[in-house]
Amino acid sequence: MRVDEEREYVEYVRAQLPRLHRVAVLVLGDRDRAEDAVQNALTTLYKRWSKRGEISNLDAYVHSMVVRACLSDQRRPWTRVFLRGSPPDTEVDAGTSQVDDRLAVRQALKRLPERQRLVVALRFLCDMSVADVALVLGRSEGTIKAQTSVALRTLRELFEASAGAELPARRSA
């Protein structure tokens, strides 16, 4: 790879890394496995970087690589092994509703079927369009719309069913 291509690759990865990592964490539910999946996808991207001009939507292509790396990781039998007796303690600021909201959303997302969870994560947490999500997941836009609708209905029901919990208000950017 030429020096200028490598510089472009590094700049692209730096800009996209937080977003890609967030998607992987949401899909896998584990930060360490998410880092591995993102690293695997970025290694493949590095090998193919010189052909990026042939790709019409590079961001969707890279998100697709990360999602596929996550799904591949989930299929491995060793991922079902839990090596710790209990999770490590982590400090949380008490009394903030933001922490409670995040925990509630994560728990609700874990209860969705995998494909619905992917659609919700890509559509709303990564702010991707229906067309981009369809491209990333290799599905039709109609399928993405239907899965989004069912997932949102399920999430509403989960929040309504929980003891007085409501869906956190969407913050405007």
C-alpha atoms as a PDB file:
ATOM      1  CA  MET A   1       0.000   0.000   0.000  1.00  0.00           C
ATOM      2  CA  ARG A   2       1.291   3.449  -0.862  1.00  0.00           C
ATOM      3  CA  VAL A   3       1.964   5.969   1.898  1.00  0.00           C
ATOM      4  CA  ASP A   4      -0.880   8.282   0.829  1.00  0.00           C
ATOM      5  CA  GLU A   5      -3.336   5.346   0.693  1.00  0.00           C
ATOM      6  CA  GLU A   6      -2.264   4.217   4.143  1.00  0.00           C
ATOM      7  CA  ARG A   7      -2.746   7.753   5.489  1.00  0.00           C
ATOM      8  CA  GLU A   8      -6.266   7.872   3.986  1.00  0.00           C
ATOM      9  CA  TYR A   9      -7.053   4.485   5.530  1.00  0.00           C
ATOM     10  CA  VAL A  10      -5.875   5.606   8.979  1.00  0.00           C
ATOM     11  CA  GLU A  11      -7.889   8.830   8.747  1.00  0.00           C
ATOM     12  CA  TYR A  12     -11.011   6.941   7.678  1.00  0.00           C
ATOM     13  CA  VAL A  13     -10.669   4.376  10.457  1.00  0.00           C
ATOM     14  CA  ARG A  14     -10.087   7.052  13.111  1.00  0.00           C
ATOM     15  CA  ALA A  15     -13.265   8.837  12.043  1.00  0.00           C
ATOM     16  CA  GLN A  16     -15.386   5.661  11.901  1.00  0.00           C
ATOM     17  CA  LEU A  17     -13.971   3.611  14.783  1.00  0.00           C
ATOM     18  CA  PRO A  18     -16.269   4.838  17.602  1.00  0.00           C
ATOM     19  CA  ARG A  19     -19.347   4.245  15.464  1.00  0.00           C
ATOM     20  CA  LEU A  20     -18.208   0.799  14.321  1.00  0.00           C
ATOM     21  CA  HIS A  21     -17.327  -0.207  17.864  1.00  0.00           C
ATOM     22  CA  ARG A  22     -20.744   0.946  19.123  1.00  0.00           C
ATOM     23  CA  VAL A  23     -22.499  -1.208  16.517  1.00  0.00           C
ATOM     24  CA  ALA A  24     -20.392  -4.230  17.420  1.00  0.00           C
ATOM     25  CA  VAL A  25     -21.053  -3.794  21.154  1.00  0.00           C
ATOM     26  CA  LEU A  26     -24.779  -3.591  20.514  1.00  0.00           C
ATOM     27  CA  VAL A  27     -24.744  -6.690  18.329  1.00  0.00           C
ATOM     28  CA  LEU A  28     -22.504  -8.798  20.576  1.00  0.00           C
ATOM     29  CA  GLY A  29     -23.232  -7.332  23.998  1.00  0.00           C
ATOM     30  CA  ASP A  30     -19.569  -7.615  24.980  1.00  0.00           C
ATOM     31  CA  ARG A  31     -16.891  -4.939  24.552  1.00  0.00           C
ATOM     32  CA  ASP A  32     -13.970  -7.338  24.215  1.00  0.00           C
ATOM     33  CA  ARG A  33     -15.614  -9.471  21.550  1.00  0.00           C
ATOM     34  CA  ALA A  34     -16.783  -6.293  19.816  1.00  0.00           C
ATOM     35  CA  GLU A  35     -13.201  -5.006  19.631  1.00  0.00           C
ATOM     36  CA  ASP A  36     -12.101  -8.310  18.100  1.00  0.00           C
ATOM     37  CA  ALA A  37     -14.893  -8.231  15.506  1.00  0.00           C
ATOM     38  CA  VAL A  38     -14.115  -4.630  14.536  1.00  0.00           C
ATOM     39  CA  GLN A  39     -10.411  -5.447  14.306  1.00  0.00           C
ATOM     40  CA  ASN A  40     -11.140  -8.411  12.030  1.00  0.00           C
ATOM     41  CA  ALA A  41     -13.314  -6.257   9.776  1.00  0.00           C
ATOM     42  CA  LEU A  42     -10.736  -3.463   9.643  1.00  0.00           C
ATOM     43  CA  THR A  43      -7.973  -5.928   8.804  1.00  0.00           C
ATOM     44  CA  THR A  44     -10.014  -7.121   5.836  1.00  0.00           C
ATOM     45  CA  LEU A  45     -10.741  -3.505   4.876  1.00  0.00           C
ATOM     46  CA  TYR A  46      -6.991  -2.745   4.961  1.00  0.00           C
ATOM     47  CA  LYS A  47      -6.329  -5.567   2.501  1.00  0.00           C
ATOM     48  CA  ARG A  48      -9.056  -4.244   0.174  1.00  0.00           C
ATOM     49  CA  TRP A  49      -8.395  -0.508   0.652  1.00  0.00           C
ATOM     50  CA  SER A  50      -6.887  -0.015  -2.809  1.00  0.00           C
ATOM     51  CA  LYS A  51     -10.220  -1.165  -4.349  1.00  0.00           C
ATOM     52  CA  ARG A  52     -12.371   1.301  -2.376  1.00  0.00           C
ATOM     53  CA  GLY A  53     -13.047   3.302  -5.557  1.00  0.00           C
ATOM     54  CA  GLU A  54     -15.150   0.402  -6.826  1.00  0.00           C
ATOM     55  CA  ILE A  55     -17.465   0.634  -3.795  1.00  0.00           C
ATOM     56  CA  SER A  56     -20.428   2.988  -4.166  1.00  0.00           C
ATOM     57  CA  ASN A  57     -21.097   3.457  -0.418  1.00  0.00           C
ATOM     58  CA  LEU A  58     -17.954   2.861   1.634  1.00  0.00           C
ATOM     59  CA  ASP A  59     -19.613   3.488   5.031  1.00  0.00           C
ATOM     60  CA  ALA A  60     -22.362   0.941   4.378  1.00  0.00           C
ATOM     61  CA  TYR A  61     -19.778  -1.520   3.066  1.00  0.00           C
ATOM     62  CA  VAL A  62     -17.664  -1.201   6.222  1.00  0.00           C
ATOM     63  CA  HIS A  63     -20.717  -1.463   8.506  1.00  0.00           C
ATOM     64  CA  SER A  64     -21.693  -4.608   6.619  1.00  0.00           C
ATOM     65  CA  MET A  65     -18.207  -6.023   7.233  1.00  0.00           C
ATOM     66  CA  VAL A  66     -18.468  -5.298  10.971  1.00  0.00           C
ATOM     67  CA  VAL A  67     -21.957  -6.796  11.270  1.00  0.00           C
ATOM     68  CA  ARG A  68     -20.841  -9.915   9.414  1.00  0.00           C
ATOM     69  CA  ALA A  69     -17.757 -10.193  11.620  1.00  0.00           C
ATOM     70  CA  CYS A  70     -20.030  -9.993  14.682  1.00  0.00           C
ATOM     71  CA  LEU A  71     -22.392 -12.642  13.332  1.00  0.00           C
ATOM     72  CA  SER A  72     -19.426 -14.857  12.484  1.00  0.00           C
ATOM     73  CA  ASP A  73     -18.112 -14.405  16.029  1.00  0.00           C
ATOM     74  CA  GLN A  74     -21.458 -15.460  17.495  1.00  0.00           C
ATOM     75  CA  ARG A  75     -21.405 -18.714  15.549  1.00  0.00           C
ATOM     76  CA  ARG A  76     -18.142 -19.853  17.114  1.00  0.00           C
ATOM     77  CA  PRO A  77     -18.697 -22.401  19.888  1.00  0.00           C
ATOM     78  CA  TRP A  78     -16.054 -20.895  22.178  1.00  0.00           C
ATOM     79  CA  THR A  79     -18.112 -17.703  22.480  1.00  0.00           C
ATOM     80  CA  ARG A  80     -20.532 -19.532  24.736  1.00  0.00           C
ATOM     81  CA  VAL A  81     -17.813 -20.144  27.333  1.00  0.00           C
ATOM     82  CA  PHE A  82     -17.889 -17.755  30.286  1.00  0.00           C
ATOM     83  CA  LEU A  83     -14.541 -17.749  32.044  1.00  0.00           C
ATOM     84  CA  ARG A  84     -15.311 -15.479  35.023  1.00  0.00           C
ATOM     85  CA  GLY A  85     -17.253 -16.502  38.088  1.00  0.00           C
ATOM     86  CA  SER A  86     -18.868 -13.098  38.344  1.00  0.00           C
ATOM     87  CA  PRO A  87     -18.607  -9.889  36.360  1.00  0.00           C
ATOM     88  CA  PRO A  88     -16.113  -7.321  37.645  1.00  0.00           C
ATOM     89  CA  ASP A  89     -17.516  -4.454  39.676  1.00  0.00           C
ATOM     90  CA  THR A  90     -17.746  -1.175  37.840  1.00  0.00           C
ATOM     91  CA  GLU A  91     -18.393   2.216  39.322  1.00  0.00           C
ATOM     92  CA  VAL A  92     -21.623   3.901  38.272  1.00  0.00           C
ATOM     93  CA  ASP A  93     -22.760   7.405  39.120  1.00  0.00           C
ATOM     94  CA  ALA A  94     -25.774   6.877  41.356  1.00  0.00           C
ATOM     95  CA  GLY A  95     -28.939   8.854  40.891  1.00  0.00           C
ATOM     96  CA  THR A  96     -28.556   9.702  37.214  1.00  0.00           C
ATOM     97  CA  SER A  97     -31.449   8.747  34.999  1.00  0.00           C
ATOM     98  CA  GLN A  98     -29.128   8.535  31.993  1.00  0.00           C
ATOM     99  CA  VAL A  99     -27.463   5.434  33.428  1.00  0.00           C
ATOM    100  CA  ASP A 100     -30.834   3.858  34.208  1.00  0.00           C
ATOM    101  CA  ASP A 101     -32.102   4.722  30.724  1.00  0.00           C
ATOM    102  CA  ARG A 102     -29.076   3.128  29.058  1.00  0.00           C
ATOM    103  CA  LEU A 103     -29.381  -0.018  31.124  1.00  0.00           C
ATOM    104  CA  ALA A 104     -33.089  -0.293  30.367  1.00  0.00           C
ATOM    105  CA  VAL A 105     -32.524   0.176  26.642  1.00  0.00           C
ATOM    106  CA  ARG A 106     -29.696  -2.375  26.555  1.00  0.00           C
ATOM    107  CA  GLN A 107     -31.771  -4.932  28.432  1.00  0.00           C
ATOM    108  CA  ALA A 108     -34.707  -4.383  26.093  1.00  0.00           C
ATOM    109  CA  LEU A 109     -32.484  -4.660  23.014  1.00  0.00           C
ATOM    110  CA  LYS A 110     -31.093  -7.967  24.258  1.00  0.00           C
ATOM    111  CA  ARG A 111     -34.627  -9.358  24.315  1.00  0.00           C
ATOM    112  CA  LEU A 112     -35.195  -8.609  20.630  1.00  0.00           C
ATOM    113  CA  PRO A 113     -34.446 -11.253  18.009  1.00  0.00           C
ATOM    114  CA  GLU A 114     -31.012 -10.778  16.447  1.00  0.00           C
ATOM    115  CA  ARG A 115     -32.163  -9.330  13.112  1.00  0.00           C
ATOM    116  CA  GLN A 116     -34.516  -6.833  14.761  1.00  0.00           C
ATOM    117  CA  ARG A 117     -31.764  -5.795  17.172  1.00  0.00           C
ATOM    118  CA  LEU A 118     -29.416  -5.204  14.228  1.00  0.00           C
ATOM    119  CA  VAL A 119     -31.999  -3.107  12.394  1.00  0.00           C
ATOM    120  CA  VAL A 120     -32.741  -0.949  15.445  1.00  0.00           C
ATOM    121  CA  ALA A 121     -29.056  -0.492  16.242  1.00  0.00           C
ATOM    122  CA  LEU A 122     -28.157   0.517  12.703  1.00  0.00           C
ATOM    123  CA  ARG A 123     -31.245   2.694  12.107  1.00  0.00           C
ATOM    124  CA  PHE A 124     -31.400   4.619  15.364  1.00  0.00           C
ATOM    125  CA  LEU A 125     -28.101   4.277  17.178  1.00  0.00           C
ATOM    126  CA  CYS A 126     -25.957   4.660  14.068  1.00  0.00           C
ATOM    127  CA  ASP A 127     -28.428   7.004  12.368  1.00  0.00           C
ATOM    128  CA  MET A 128     -28.407   5.084   9.094  1.00  0.00           C
ATOM    129  CA  SER A 129     -31.117   5.397   6.469  1.00  0.00           C
ATOM    130  CA  VAL A 130     -33.431   2.514   5.572  1.00  0.00           C
ATOM    131  CA  ALA A 131     -31.588   2.147   2.253  1.00  0.00           C
ATOM    132  CA  ASP A 132     -28.191   1.958   3.961  1.00  0.00           C
ATOM    133  CA  VAL A 133     -29.399  -0.625   6.487  1.00  0.00           C
ATOM    134  CA  ALA A 134     -30.882  -2.685   3.657  1.00  0.00           C
ATOM    135  CA  LEU A 135     -27.544  -2.538   1.861  1.00  0.00           C
ATOM    136  CA  VAL A 136     -25.555  -3.479   4.975  1.00  0.00           C
ATOM    137  CA  LEU A 137     -27.800  -6.422   5.864  1.00  0.00           C
ATOM    138  CA  GLY A 138     -28.490  -7.531   2.283  1.00  0.00           C
ATOM    139  CA  ARG A 139     -32.256  -7.214   2.662  1.00  0.00           C
ATOM    140  CA  SER A 140     -34.954  -5.233   0.858  1.00  0.00           C
ATOM    141  CA  GLU A 141     -36.001  -1.830   2.162  1.00  0.00           C
ATOM    142  CA  GLY A 142     -39.497  -3.204   2.785  1.00  0.00           C
ATOM    143  CA  THR A 143     -38.078  -5.924   5.014  1.00  0.00           C
ATOM    144  CA  ILE A 144     -36.068  -3.355   6.955  1.00  0.00           C
ATOM    145  CA  LYS A 145     -39.169  -1.182   7.439  1.00  0.00           C
ATOM    146  CA  ALA A 146     -41.205  -4.167   8.615  1.00  0.00           C
ATOM    147  CA  GLN A 147     -38.518  -5.356  11.024  1.00  0.00           C
ATOM    148  CA  THR A 148     -38.149  -1.820  12.382  1.00  0.00           C
ATOM    149  CA  SER A 149     -41.885  -1.557  12.968  1.00  0.00           C
ATOM    150  CA  VAL A 150     -42.094  -4.906  14.754  1.00  0.00           C
ATOM    151  CA  ALA A 151     -38.972  -4.165  16.818  1.00  0.00           C
ATOM    152  CA  LEU A 152     -40.262  -0.762  17.948  1.00  0.00           C
ATOM    153  CA  ARG A 153     -43.637  -2.249  18.872  1.00  0.00           C
ATOM    154  CA  THR A 154     -41.877  -4.972  20.884  1.00  0.00           C
ATOM    155  CA  LEU A 155     -39.676  -2.401  22.630  1.00  0.00           C
ATOM    156  CA  ARG A 156     -42.725  -0.300  23.534  1.00  0.00           C
ATOM    157  CA  GLU A 157     -44.443  -3.360  24.965  1.00  0.00           C
ATOM    158  CA  LEU A 158     -41.349  -4.273  26.973  1.00  0.00           C
ATOM    159  CA  PHE A 159     -41.088  -0.792  28.456  1.00  0.00           C
ATOM    160  CA  GLU A 160     -44.810  -0.613  29.212  1.00  0.00           C
ATOM    161  CA  ALA A 161     -44.711  -4.031  30.844  1.00  0.00           C
ATOM    162  CA  SER A 162     -41.810  -3.141  33.113  1.00  0.00           C
ATOM    163  CA  ALA A 163     -42.791  -1.580  36.424  1.00  0.00           C
ATOM    164  CA  GLY A 164     -43.656   1.966  35.437  1.00  0.00           C
ATOM    165  CA  ALA A 165     -40.630   2.314  33.188  1.00  0.00           C
ATOM    166  CA  GLU A 166     -41.018   4.384  30.093  1.00  0.00           C
ATOM    167  CA  LEU A 167     -38.955   4.688  26.973  1.00  0.00           C
ATOM    168  CA  PRO A 168     -36.375   7.415  27.577  1.00  0.00           C
ATOM    169  CA  ALA A 169     -37.204  10.667  25.829  1.00  0.00           C
ATOM    170  CA  ARG A 170     -35.290  11.075  22.605  1.00  0.00           C
ATOM    171  CA  ARG A 171     -32.790  13.863  22.940  1.00  0.00           C
ATOM    172  CA  SER A 172     -32.547  16.239  20.022  1.00  0.00           C
ATOM    173  CA  ALA A 173     -29.099  16.701  18.540  1.00  0.00           C
END
